[in-house]
Amino acid sequence: MANTYTDHGSGDTLVFLHGFCESKEVWAEFTKPLQHKFRIIALDLPGFGENTQNISNYSMESMANYVKHKLEELGVSRCILVGHSMGGYASMAFAEKYGGMLQGLCLFHSSALPDTDEKQEQRDKSIEFVERNGVISFINPFIEPLFFKGNRERLQQEIEMMKEIGRATPQESVTGALAAMRDRPDRSDVLRKAPFPVLFIFGKEDGAVPMEKALEQCHLPGNSIVYFLEKTGHMGMFERPYETRKAVETFAKTIFES
């Protein structure tokens, strides 16, 4: 039986969603210190990690539905959701449909905005490339640029781990998720109306969520906290583990203790 989630610790719940071509494993080390203070759940989103059986729909809405059903199964009625990159897109779909379950939301190198025309074109090219050349040819050059170049040498092990996870992803999950990210709607309005606090974590050197996109949305919620991390790309859980973990922990404590 595939193990599609991890569940450690007890008390108030934090739920972690990974990004594109990642799995729950990206959170394993990052969340260890948090397990002494909270209940920490990390999920494999449909099509990724060990959750690759019978997936017919890769849309962000269907990922949100999966998260809701999984949380109900695990007895979680309210939580803080932390979504990295594509996991943040799924979190936004979740917030739109099941906002009543959220005590807080963290967009971890992610966005409520839709793809630009240019980005949509890029996704189409990536889909074509994967269909023509396979997942491994796509993953190998894809991972390293997610890390700020000044951090790459230091984080060779983490980069290798990410490549390994990516290479194990089924081709239909890669192309399905690329199309789902391309087609996701603008959810800025969900941020505007959010009745819960929102934490934004951005890397100043992030090519995937550039600074102007970050600035366009971080003021939208009524209650938001924003971290801009220098010398950081798209992978703050590896590039700046102490700072990003502290940000999540402080955010959670503020919410759970209020």
C-alpha atoms as a PDB file:
ATOM      1  CA  MET A   1       0.000   0.000   0.000  1.00  0.00           C
ATOM      2  CA  ALA A   2       1.534   3.313  -1.090  1.00  0.00           C
ATOM      3  CA  ASN A   3       2.209   5.769   1.696  1.00  0.00           C
ATOM      4  CA  THR A   4       0.861   9.015   0.295  1.00  0.00           C
ATOM      5  CA  TYR A   5       1.258  11.154   3.424  1.00  0.00           C
ATOM      6  CA  THR A   6       3.261  11.601   6.619  1.00  0.00           C
ATOM      7  CA  ASP A   7       1.650  12.551   9.921  1.00  0.00           C
ATOM      8  CA  HIS A   8       3.813  13.447  12.937  1.00  0.00           C
ATOM      9  CA  GLY A   9       3.394  15.296  16.219  1.00  0.00           C
ATOM     10  CA  SER A  10       0.164  16.391  17.865  1.00  0.00           C
ATOM     11  CA  GLY A  11      -1.893  19.484  18.582  1.00  0.00           C
ATOM     12  CA  ASP A  12      -2.831  22.225  16.117  1.00  0.00           C
ATOM     13  CA  THR A  13      -2.309  21.133  12.530  1.00  0.00           C
ATOM     14  CA  LEU A  14      -0.025  22.394   9.775  1.00  0.00           C
ATOM     15  CA  VAL A  15      -0.469  20.780   6.347  1.00  0.00           C
ATOM     16  CA  PHE A  16       2.362  20.957   3.784  1.00  0.00           C
ATOM     17  CA  LEU A  17       1.841  20.678   0.012  1.00  0.00           C
ATOM     18  CA  HIS A  18       4.843  20.219  -2.297  1.00  0.00           C
ATOM     19  CA  GLY A  19       5.487  21.788  -5.695  1.00  0.00           C
ATOM     20  CA  PHE A  20       5.655  20.518  -9.278  1.00  0.00           C
ATOM     21  CA  CYS A  21       7.704  17.326  -9.779  1.00  0.00           C
ATOM     22  CA  GLU A  22       8.307  17.178  -6.022  1.00  0.00           C
ATOM     23  CA  SER A  23       6.853  14.991  -3.274  1.00  0.00           C
ATOM     24  CA  LYS A  24       6.183  15.107   0.462  1.00  0.00           C
ATOM     25  CA  GLU A  25       9.893  14.248   0.900  1.00  0.00           C
ATOM     26  CA  VAL A  26      10.917  17.879   0.268  1.00  0.00           C
ATOM     27  CA  TRP A  27       9.386  18.730   3.665  1.00  0.00           C
ATOM     28  CA  ALA A  28      10.900  15.823   5.659  1.00  0.00           C
ATOM     29  CA  GLU A  29      13.918  17.605   7.185  1.00  0.00           C
ATOM     30  CA  PHE A  30      12.306  21.040   7.175  1.00  0.00           C
ATOM     31  CA  THR A  31       9.345  19.995   9.348  1.00  0.00           C
ATOM     32  CA  LYS A  32      11.235  17.857  11.906  1.00  0.00           C
ATOM     33  CA  PRO A  33      11.721  20.664  14.469  1.00  0.00           C
ATOM     34  CA  LEU A  34       8.062  21.712  14.028  1.00  0.00           C
ATOM     35  CA  GLN A  35       6.807  18.237  14.973  1.00  0.00           C
ATOM     36  CA  HIS A  36       7.572  18.939  18.637  1.00  0.00           C
ATOM     37  CA  LYS A  37       5.100  21.830  18.635  1.00  0.00           C
ATOM     38  CA  PHE A  38       2.354  20.965  16.125  1.00  0.00           C
ATOM     39  CA  ARG A  39       0.750  18.126  14.235  1.00  0.00           C
ATOM     40  CA  ILE A  40       2.534  18.117  10.869  1.00  0.00           C
ATOM     41  CA  ILE A  41       0.959  16.466   7.833  1.00  0.00           C
ATOM     42  CA  ALA A  42       2.697  16.367   4.436  1.00  0.00           C
ATOM     43  CA  LEU A  43       0.774  15.015   1.449  1.00  0.00           C
ATOM     44  CA  ASP A  44       1.767  13.656  -1.934  1.00  0.00           C
ATOM     45  CA  LEU A  45      -0.471  15.537  -4.370  1.00  0.00           C
ATOM     46  CA  PRO A  46      -2.269  13.472  -7.045  1.00  0.00           C
ATOM     47  CA  GLY A  47       0.238  12.212  -9.622  1.00  0.00           C
ATOM     48  CA  PHE A  48       3.349  12.742  -7.487  1.00  0.00           C
ATOM     49  CA  GLY A  49       5.484  10.878  -4.966  1.00  0.00           C
ATOM     50  CA  GLU A  50       3.675   7.686  -4.042  1.00  0.00           C
ATOM     51  CA  ASN A  51       0.264   9.034  -5.057  1.00  0.00           C
ATOM     52  CA  THR A  52       0.311   7.926  -8.706  1.00  0.00           C
ATOM     53  CA  GLN A  53      -2.561   5.421  -8.904  1.00  0.00           C
ATOM     54  CA  ASN A  54      -5.613   6.096 -11.098  1.00  0.00           C
ATOM     55  CA  ILE A  55      -5.257   9.870 -11.467  1.00  0.00           C
ATOM     56  CA  SER A  56      -7.612  11.143 -14.145  1.00  0.00           C
ATOM     57  CA  ASN A  57      -7.573  14.870 -13.379  1.00  0.00           C
ATOM     58  CA  TYR A  58      -4.595  17.083 -12.508  1.00  0.00           C
ATOM     59  CA  SER A  59      -6.475  20.384 -12.149  1.00  0.00           C
ATOM     60  CA  MET A  60      -5.822  22.553  -9.092  1.00  0.00           C
ATOM     61  CA  GLU A  61      -9.488  22.119  -8.125  1.00  0.00           C
ATOM     62  CA  SER A  62      -9.167  18.360  -8.177  1.00  0.00           C
ATOM     63  CA  MET A  63      -5.970  18.594  -6.090  1.00  0.00           C
ATOM     64  CA  ALA A  64      -7.910  20.776  -3.618  1.00  0.00           C
ATOM     65  CA  ASN A  65     -10.687  18.155  -3.444  1.00  0.00           C
ATOM     66  CA  TYR A  66      -8.095  15.454  -2.803  1.00  0.00           C
ATOM     67  CA  VAL A  67      -6.559  17.490   0.056  1.00  0.00           C
ATOM     68  CA  LYS A  68      -9.998  18.042   1.602  1.00  0.00           C
ATOM     69  CA  HIS A  69     -10.921  14.338   1.503  1.00  0.00           C
ATOM     70  CA  LYS A  70      -7.513  13.315   2.850  1.00  0.00           C
ATOM     71  CA  LEU A  71      -7.793  15.788   5.751  1.00  0.00           C
ATOM     72  CA  GLU A  72     -11.296  14.542   6.564  1.00  0.00           C
ATOM     73  CA  GLU A  73      -9.938  10.988   6.557  1.00  0.00           C
ATOM     74  CA  LEU A  74      -7.217  12.095   8.988  1.00  0.00           C
ATOM     75  CA  GLY A  75      -9.738  13.816  11.254  1.00  0.00           C
ATOM     76  CA  VAL A  76      -8.566  17.365  10.488  1.00  0.00           C
ATOM     77  CA  SER A  77     -11.357  19.949  10.410  1.00  0.00           C
ATOM     78  CA  ARG A  78      -9.184  23.095  10.603  1.00  0.00           C
ATOM     79  CA  CYS A  79      -5.548  23.759   9.777  1.00  0.00           C
ATOM     80  CA  ILE A  80      -2.920  26.100   8.393  1.00  0.00           C
ATOM     81  CA  LEU A  81      -2.033  25.169   4.817  1.00  0.00           C
ATOM     82  CA  VAL A  82       1.535  25.697   3.569  1.00  0.00           C
ATOM     83  CA  GLY A  83       1.869  25.365  -0.213  1.00  0.00           C
ATOM     84  CA  HIS A  84       5.139  25.457  -2.116  1.00  0.00           C
ATOM     85  CA  SER A  85       4.933  26.632  -5.737  1.00  0.00           C
ATOM     86  CA  MET A  86       2.313  24.358  -7.423  1.00  0.00           C
ATOM     87  CA  GLY A  87       1.244  23.324  -3.893  1.00  0.00           C
ATOM     88  CA  GLY A  88       0.432  27.005  -3.368  1.00  0.00           C
ATOM     89  CA  TYR A  89      -1.772  26.994  -6.487  1.00  0.00           C
ATOM     90  CA  ALA A  90      -3.597  23.960  -5.071  1.00  0.00           C
ATOM     91  CA  SER A  91      -3.838  25.790  -1.716  1.00  0.00           C
ATOM     92  CA  MET A  92      -5.471  28.762  -3.431  1.00  0.00           C
ATOM     93  CA  ALA A  93      -8.061  26.442  -5.030  1.00  0.00           C
ATOM     94  CA  PHE A  94      -8.593  24.912  -1.580  1.00  0.00           C
ATOM     95  CA  ALA A  95      -9.026  28.362  -0.007  1.00  0.00           C
ATOM     96  CA  GLU A  96     -11.622  29.246  -2.640  1.00  0.00           C
ATOM     97  CA  LYS A  97     -13.665  26.053  -2.113  1.00  0.00           C
ATOM     98  CA  TYR A  98     -13.032  25.156   1.536  1.00  0.00           C
ATOM     99  CA  GLY A  99     -11.913  28.418   3.144  1.00  0.00           C
ATOM    100  CA  GLY A 100     -13.847  27.576   6.317  1.00  0.00           C
ATOM    101  CA  MET A 101     -11.280  24.844   7.065  1.00  0.00           C
ATOM    102  CA  LEU A 102      -8.388  27.308   7.012  1.00  0.00           C
ATOM    103  CA  GLN A 103      -6.973  29.064  10.051  1.00  0.00           C
ATOM    104  CA  GLY A 104      -4.169  30.474   7.924  1.00  0.00           C
ATOM    105  CA  LEU A 105      -2.460  30.085   4.561  1.00  0.00           C
ATOM    106  CA  CYS A 106       1.207  30.261   3.606  1.00  0.00           C
ATOM    107  CA  LEU A 107       2.196  30.811  -0.036  1.00  0.00           C
ATOM    108  CA  PHE A 108       5.762  29.499  -0.049  1.00  0.00           C
ATOM    109  CA  HIS A 109       7.369  30.782  -3.288  1.00  0.00           C
ATOM    110  CA  SER A 110       3.936  30.725  -4.876  1.00  0.00           C
ATOM    111  CA  SER A 111       1.233  32.948  -6.302  1.00  0.00           C
ATOM    112  CA  ALA A 112      -2.501  33.589  -6.592  1.00  0.00           C
ATOM    113  CA  LEU A 113      -1.986  35.102 -10.041  1.00  0.00           C
ATOM    114  CA  PRO A 114      -2.536  33.168 -13.267  1.00  0.00           C
ATOM    115  CA  ASP A 115       0.181  32.365 -15.803  1.00  0.00           C
ATOM    116  CA  THR A 116       1.111  35.205 -18.149  1.00  0.00           C
ATOM    117  CA  ASP A 117       0.706  34.517 -21.892  1.00  0.00           C
ATOM    118  CA  GLU A 118       4.451  34.028 -22.095  1.00  0.00           C
ATOM    119  CA  LYS A 119       4.427  31.544 -19.223  1.00  0.00           C
ATOM    120  CA  GLN A 120       1.516  29.627 -20.791  1.00  0.00           C
ATOM    121  CA  GLU A 121       3.525  29.336 -24.000  1.00  0.00           C
ATOM    122  CA  GLN A 122       6.467  28.059 -21.988  1.00  0.00           C
ATOM    123  CA  ARG A 123       4.244  25.391 -20.378  1.00  0.00           C
ATOM    124  CA  ASP A 124       3.072  24.276 -23.842  1.00  0.00           C
ATOM    125  CA  LYS A 125       6.678  23.981 -25.008  1.00  0.00           C
ATOM    126  CA  SER A 126       7.535  21.970 -21.881  1.00  0.00           C
ATOM    127  CA  ILE A 127       4.601  19.598 -22.509  1.00  0.00           C
ATOM    128  CA  GLU A 128       5.790  19.067 -26.104  1.00  0.00           C
ATOM    129  CA  PHE A 129       9.358  18.538 -24.919  1.00  0.00           C
ATOM    130  CA  VAL A 130       8.328  15.931 -22.325  1.00  0.00           C
ATOM    131  CA  GLU A 131       6.112  14.103 -24.823  1.00  0.00           C
ATOM    132  CA  ARG A 132       8.982  14.012 -27.317  1.00  0.00           C
ATOM    133  CA  ASN A 133      11.988  13.392 -25.056  1.00  0.00           C
ATOM    134  CA  GLY A 134      10.641  11.928 -21.798  1.00  0.00           C
ATOM    135  CA  VAL A 135      10.764  13.018 -18.158  1.00  0.00           C
ATOM    136  CA  ILE A 136      14.471  12.491 -17.446  1.00  0.00           C
ATOM    137  CA  SER A 137      15.616  14.830 -20.262  1.00  0.00           C
ATOM    138  CA  PHE A 138      13.196  17.449 -18.903  1.00  0.00           C
ATOM    139  CA  ILE A 139      14.072  17.129 -15.194  1.00  0.00           C
ATOM    140  CA  ASN A 140      17.860  17.200 -15.362  1.00  0.00           C
ATOM    141  CA  PRO A 141      18.168  20.813 -16.622  1.00  0.00           C
ATOM    142  CA  PHE A 142      14.944  21.928 -14.861  1.00  0.00           C
ATOM    143  CA  ILE A 143      15.955  21.527 -11.201  1.00  0.00           C
ATOM    144  CA  GLU A 144      19.215  23.439 -10.776  1.00  0.00           C
ATOM    145  CA  PRO A 145      17.894  26.877 -11.890  1.00  0.00           C
ATOM    146  CA  LEU A 146      15.261  26.675  -9.122  1.00  0.00           C
ATOM    147  CA  PHE A 147      18.136  27.376  -6.691  1.00  0.00           C
ATOM    148  CA  PHE A 148      19.935  30.738  -6.573  1.00  0.00           C
ATOM    149  CA  LYS A 149      23.274  30.209  -8.335  1.00  0.00           C
ATOM    150  CA  GLY A 150      25.258  31.220  -5.240  1.00  0.00           C
ATOM    151  CA  ASN A 151      23.646  28.323  -3.301  1.00  0.00           C
ATOM    152  CA  ARG A 152      24.000  25.535  -5.857  1.00  0.00           C
ATOM    153  CA  GLU A 153      27.430  24.252  -4.910  1.00  0.00           C
ATOM    154  CA  ARG A 154      26.529  24.123  -1.216  1.00  0.00           C
ATOM    155  CA  LEU A 155      23.245  22.323  -1.940  1.00  0.00           C
ATOM    156  CA  GLN A 156      24.385  19.660  -4.435  1.00  0.00           C
ATOM    157  CA  GLN A 157      22.879  16.899  -2.276  1.00  0.00           C
ATOM    158  CA  GLU A 158      19.471  18.598  -2.150  1.00  0.00           C
ATOM    159  CA  ILE A 159      19.576  19.274  -5.900  1.00  0.00           C
ATOM    160  CA  GLU A 160      20.341  15.591  -6.521  1.00  0.00           C
ATOM    161  CA  MET A 161      17.469  14.555  -4.238  1.00  0.00           C
ATOM    162  CA  MET A 162      15.092  16.845  -6.154  1.00  0.00           C
ATOM    163  CA  LYS A 163      16.256  15.400  -9.478  1.00  0.00           C
ATOM    164  CA  GLU A 164      15.691  11.892  -8.175  1.00  0.00           C
ATOM    165  CA  ILE A 165      12.123  12.717  -7.084  1.00  0.00           C
ATOM    166  CA  GLY A 166      11.475  14.458 -10.414  1.00  0.00           C
ATOM    167  CA  ARG A 167      12.849  11.601 -12.523  1.00  0.00           C
ATOM    168  CA  ALA A 168      10.534   9.151 -10.751  1.00  0.00           C
ATOM    169  CA  THR A 169       7.434  11.203 -11.686  1.00  0.00           C
ATOM    170  CA  PRO A 170       5.209   9.547 -14.329  1.00  0.00           C
ATOM    171  CA  GLN A 171       5.169  11.323 -17.696  1.00  0.00           C
ATOM    172  CA  GLU A 172       1.382  11.835 -17.619  1.00  0.00           C
ATOM    173  CA  SER A 173       1.690  13.527 -14.195  1.00  0.00           C
ATOM    174  CA  VAL A 174       4.316  15.921 -15.549  1.00  0.00           C
ATOM    175  CA  THR A 175       2.309  16.880 -18.652  1.00  0.00           C
ATOM    176  CA  GLY A 176      -1.018  16.844 -16.754  1.00  0.00           C
ATOM    177  CA  ALA A 177       0.285  19.184 -14.042  1.00  0.00           C
ATOM    178  CA  LEU A 178       1.928  21.511 -16.592  1.00  0.00           C
ATOM    179  CA  ALA A 179      -1.448  21.873 -18.347  1.00  0.00           C
ATOM    180  CA  ALA A 180      -3.249  22.346 -15.002  1.00  0.00           C
ATOM    181  CA  MET A 181      -0.843  25.111 -13.950  1.00  0.00           C
ATOM    182  CA  ARG A 182      -1.193  26.752 -17.365  1.00  0.00           C
ATOM    183  CA  ASP A 183      -4.998  26.741 -17.118  1.00  0.00           C
ATOM    184  CA  ARG A 184      -5.418  27.845 -13.497  1.00  0.00           C
ATOM    185  CA  PRO A 185      -7.518  31.015 -13.048  1.00  0.00           C
ATOM    186  CA  ASP A 186      -6.610  34.275 -11.340  1.00  0.00           C
ATOM    187  CA  ARG A 187      -7.351  33.822  -7.618  1.00  0.00           C
ATOM    188  CA  SER A 188      -6.315  37.300  -6.387  1.00  0.00           C
ATOM    189  CA  ASP A 189      -9.882  37.757  -5.248  1.00  0.00           C
ATOM    190  CA  VAL A 190      -9.546  34.815  -2.866  1.00  0.00           C
ATOM    191  CA  LEU A 191      -6.652  36.670  -1.216  1.00  0.00           C
ATOM    192  CA  ARG A 192      -8.647  39.916  -1.128  1.00  0.00           C
ATOM    193  CA  LYS A 193     -11.529  38.226   0.683  1.00  0.00           C
ATOM    194  CA  ALA A 194      -9.434  35.912   2.880  1.00  0.00           C
ATOM    195  CA  PRO A 195     -10.899  35.870   6.409  1.00  0.00           C
ATOM    196  CA  PHE A 196      -7.659  34.225   7.648  1.00  0.00           C
ATOM    197  CA  PRO A 197      -4.070  35.566   7.835  1.00  0.00           C
ATOM    198  CA  VAL A 198      -1.751  34.900   4.882  1.00  0.00           C
ATOM    199  CA  LEU A 199       2.016  34.425   5.063  1.00  0.00           C
ATOM    200  CA  PHE A 200       4.035  35.059   1.890  1.00  0.00           C
ATOM    201  CA  ILE A 201       7.593  33.768   1.529  1.00  0.00           C
ATOM    202  CA  PHE A 202       9.472  34.991  -1.547  1.00  0.00           C
ATOM    203  CA  GLY A 203      13.043  34.589  -2.790  1.00  0.00           C
ATOM    204  CA  LYS A 204      14.551  37.744  -4.254  1.00  0.00           C
ATOM    205  CA  GLU A 205      16.344  35.645  -6.894  1.00  0.00           C
ATOM    206  CA  ASP A 206      13.320  33.479  -7.757  1.00  0.00           C
ATOM    207  CA  GLY A 207      12.882  33.176 -11.525  1.00  0.00           C
ATOM    208  CA  ALA A 208       9.572  31.299 -11.119  1.00  0.00           C
ATOM    209  CA  VAL A 209       7.845  33.958  -8.949  1.00  0.00           C
ATOM    210  CA  PRO A 210       9.573  37.256  -9.865  1.00  0.00           C
ATOM    211  CA  MET A 211       9.575  40.205  -7.486  1.00  0.00           C
ATOM    212  CA  GLU A 212       7.001  42.235  -9.444  1.00  0.00           C
ATOM    213  CA  LYS A 213       4.517  39.324  -9.180  1.00  0.00           C
ATOM    214  CA  ALA A 214       5.244  39.079  -5.461  1.00  0.00           C
ATOM    215  CA  LEU A 215       4.598  42.781  -4.940  1.00  0.00           C
ATOM    216  CA  GLU A 216       1.387  42.650  -6.970  1.00  0.00           C
ATOM    217  CA  GLN A 217      -0.304  40.332  -4.495  1.00  0.00           C
ATOM    218  CA  CYS A 218       1.239  40.523  -1.026  1.00  0.00           C
ATOM    219  CA  HIS A 219      -0.841  43.570  -0.024  1.00  0.00           C
ATOM    220  CA  LEU A 220      -4.177  41.986  -1.071  1.00  0.00           C
ATOM    221  CA  PRO A 221      -5.200  40.104   2.117  1.00  0.00           C
ATOM    222  CA  GLY A 222      -6.570  42.100   5.049  1.00  0.00           C
ATOM    223  CA  ASN A 223      -3.976  40.418   7.247  1.00  0.00           C
ATOM    224  CA  SER A 224      -0.672  39.433   5.668  1.00  0.00           C
ATOM    225  CA  ILE A 225       2.959  38.923   6.639  1.00  0.00           C
ATOM    226  CA  VAL A 226       5.611  39.016   3.920  1.00  0.00           C
ATOM    227  CA  TYR A 227       9.190  37.724   3.901  1.00  0.00           C
ATOM    228  CA  PHE A 228      11.570  38.621   1.084  1.00  0.00           C
ATOM    229  CA  LEU A 229      14.722  36.518   1.316  1.00  0.00           C
ATOM    230  CA  GLU A 230      17.910  37.666  -0.365  1.00  0.00           C
ATOM    231  CA  LYS A 231      20.255  35.247  -2.145  1.00  0.00           C
ATOM    232  CA  THR A 232      17.324  32.846  -2.361  1.00  0.00           C
ATOM    233  CA  GLY A 233      15.696  31.313  -5.421  1.00  0.00           C
ATOM    234  CA  HIS A 234      12.571  29.132  -5.480  1.00  0.00           C
ATOM    235  CA  MET A 235      13.587  26.574  -2.840  1.00  0.00           C
ATOM    236  CA  GLY A 236      13.640  28.389   0.507  1.00  0.00           C
ATOM    237  CA  MET A 237      13.114  25.168   2.506  1.00  0.00           C
ATOM    238  CA  PHE A 238      16.637  24.162   1.385  1.00  0.00           C
ATOM    239  CA  GLU A 239      18.250  27.521   0.638  1.00  0.00           C
ATOM    240  CA  ARG A 240      17.102  29.271   3.855  1.00  0.00           C
ATOM    241  CA  PRO A 241      15.724  26.510   6.098  1.00  0.00           C
ATOM    242  CA  TYR A 242      16.212  28.347   9.394  1.00  0.00           C
ATOM    243  CA  GLU A 243      14.594  31.630   8.296  1.00  0.00           C
ATOM    244  CA  THR A 244      11.691  30.044   6.427  1.00  0.00           C
ATOM    245  CA  ARG A 245      10.933  27.568   9.211  1.00  0.00           C
ATOM    246  CA  LYS A 246      11.057  30.357  11.805  1.00  0.00           C
ATOM    247  CA  ALA A 247       8.637  32.403   9.667  1.00  0.00           C
ATOM    248  CA  VAL A 248       6.176  29.486   9.438  1.00  0.00           C
ATOM    249  CA  GLU A 249       6.498  28.677  13.149  1.00  0.00           C
ATOM    250  CA  THR A 250       5.967  32.285  14.277  1.00  0.00           C
ATOM    251  CA  PHE A 251       2.994  32.633  11.929  1.00  0.00           C
ATOM    252  CA  ALA A 252       1.448  29.406  13.283  1.00  0.00           C
ATOM    253  CA  LYS A 253       2.010  30.346  16.925  1.00  0.00           C
ATOM    254  CA  THR A 254       0.417  33.769  16.390  1.00  0.00           C
ATOM    255  CA  ILE A 255      -2.676  32.106  14.921  1.00  0.00           C
ATOM    256  CA  PHE A 256      -2.985  29.125  17.259  1.00  0.00           C
ATOM    257  CA  GLU A 257      -2.320  31.117  20.433  1.00  0.00           C
ATOM    258  CA  SER A 258      -4.648  34.013  19.659  1.00  0.00           C
END
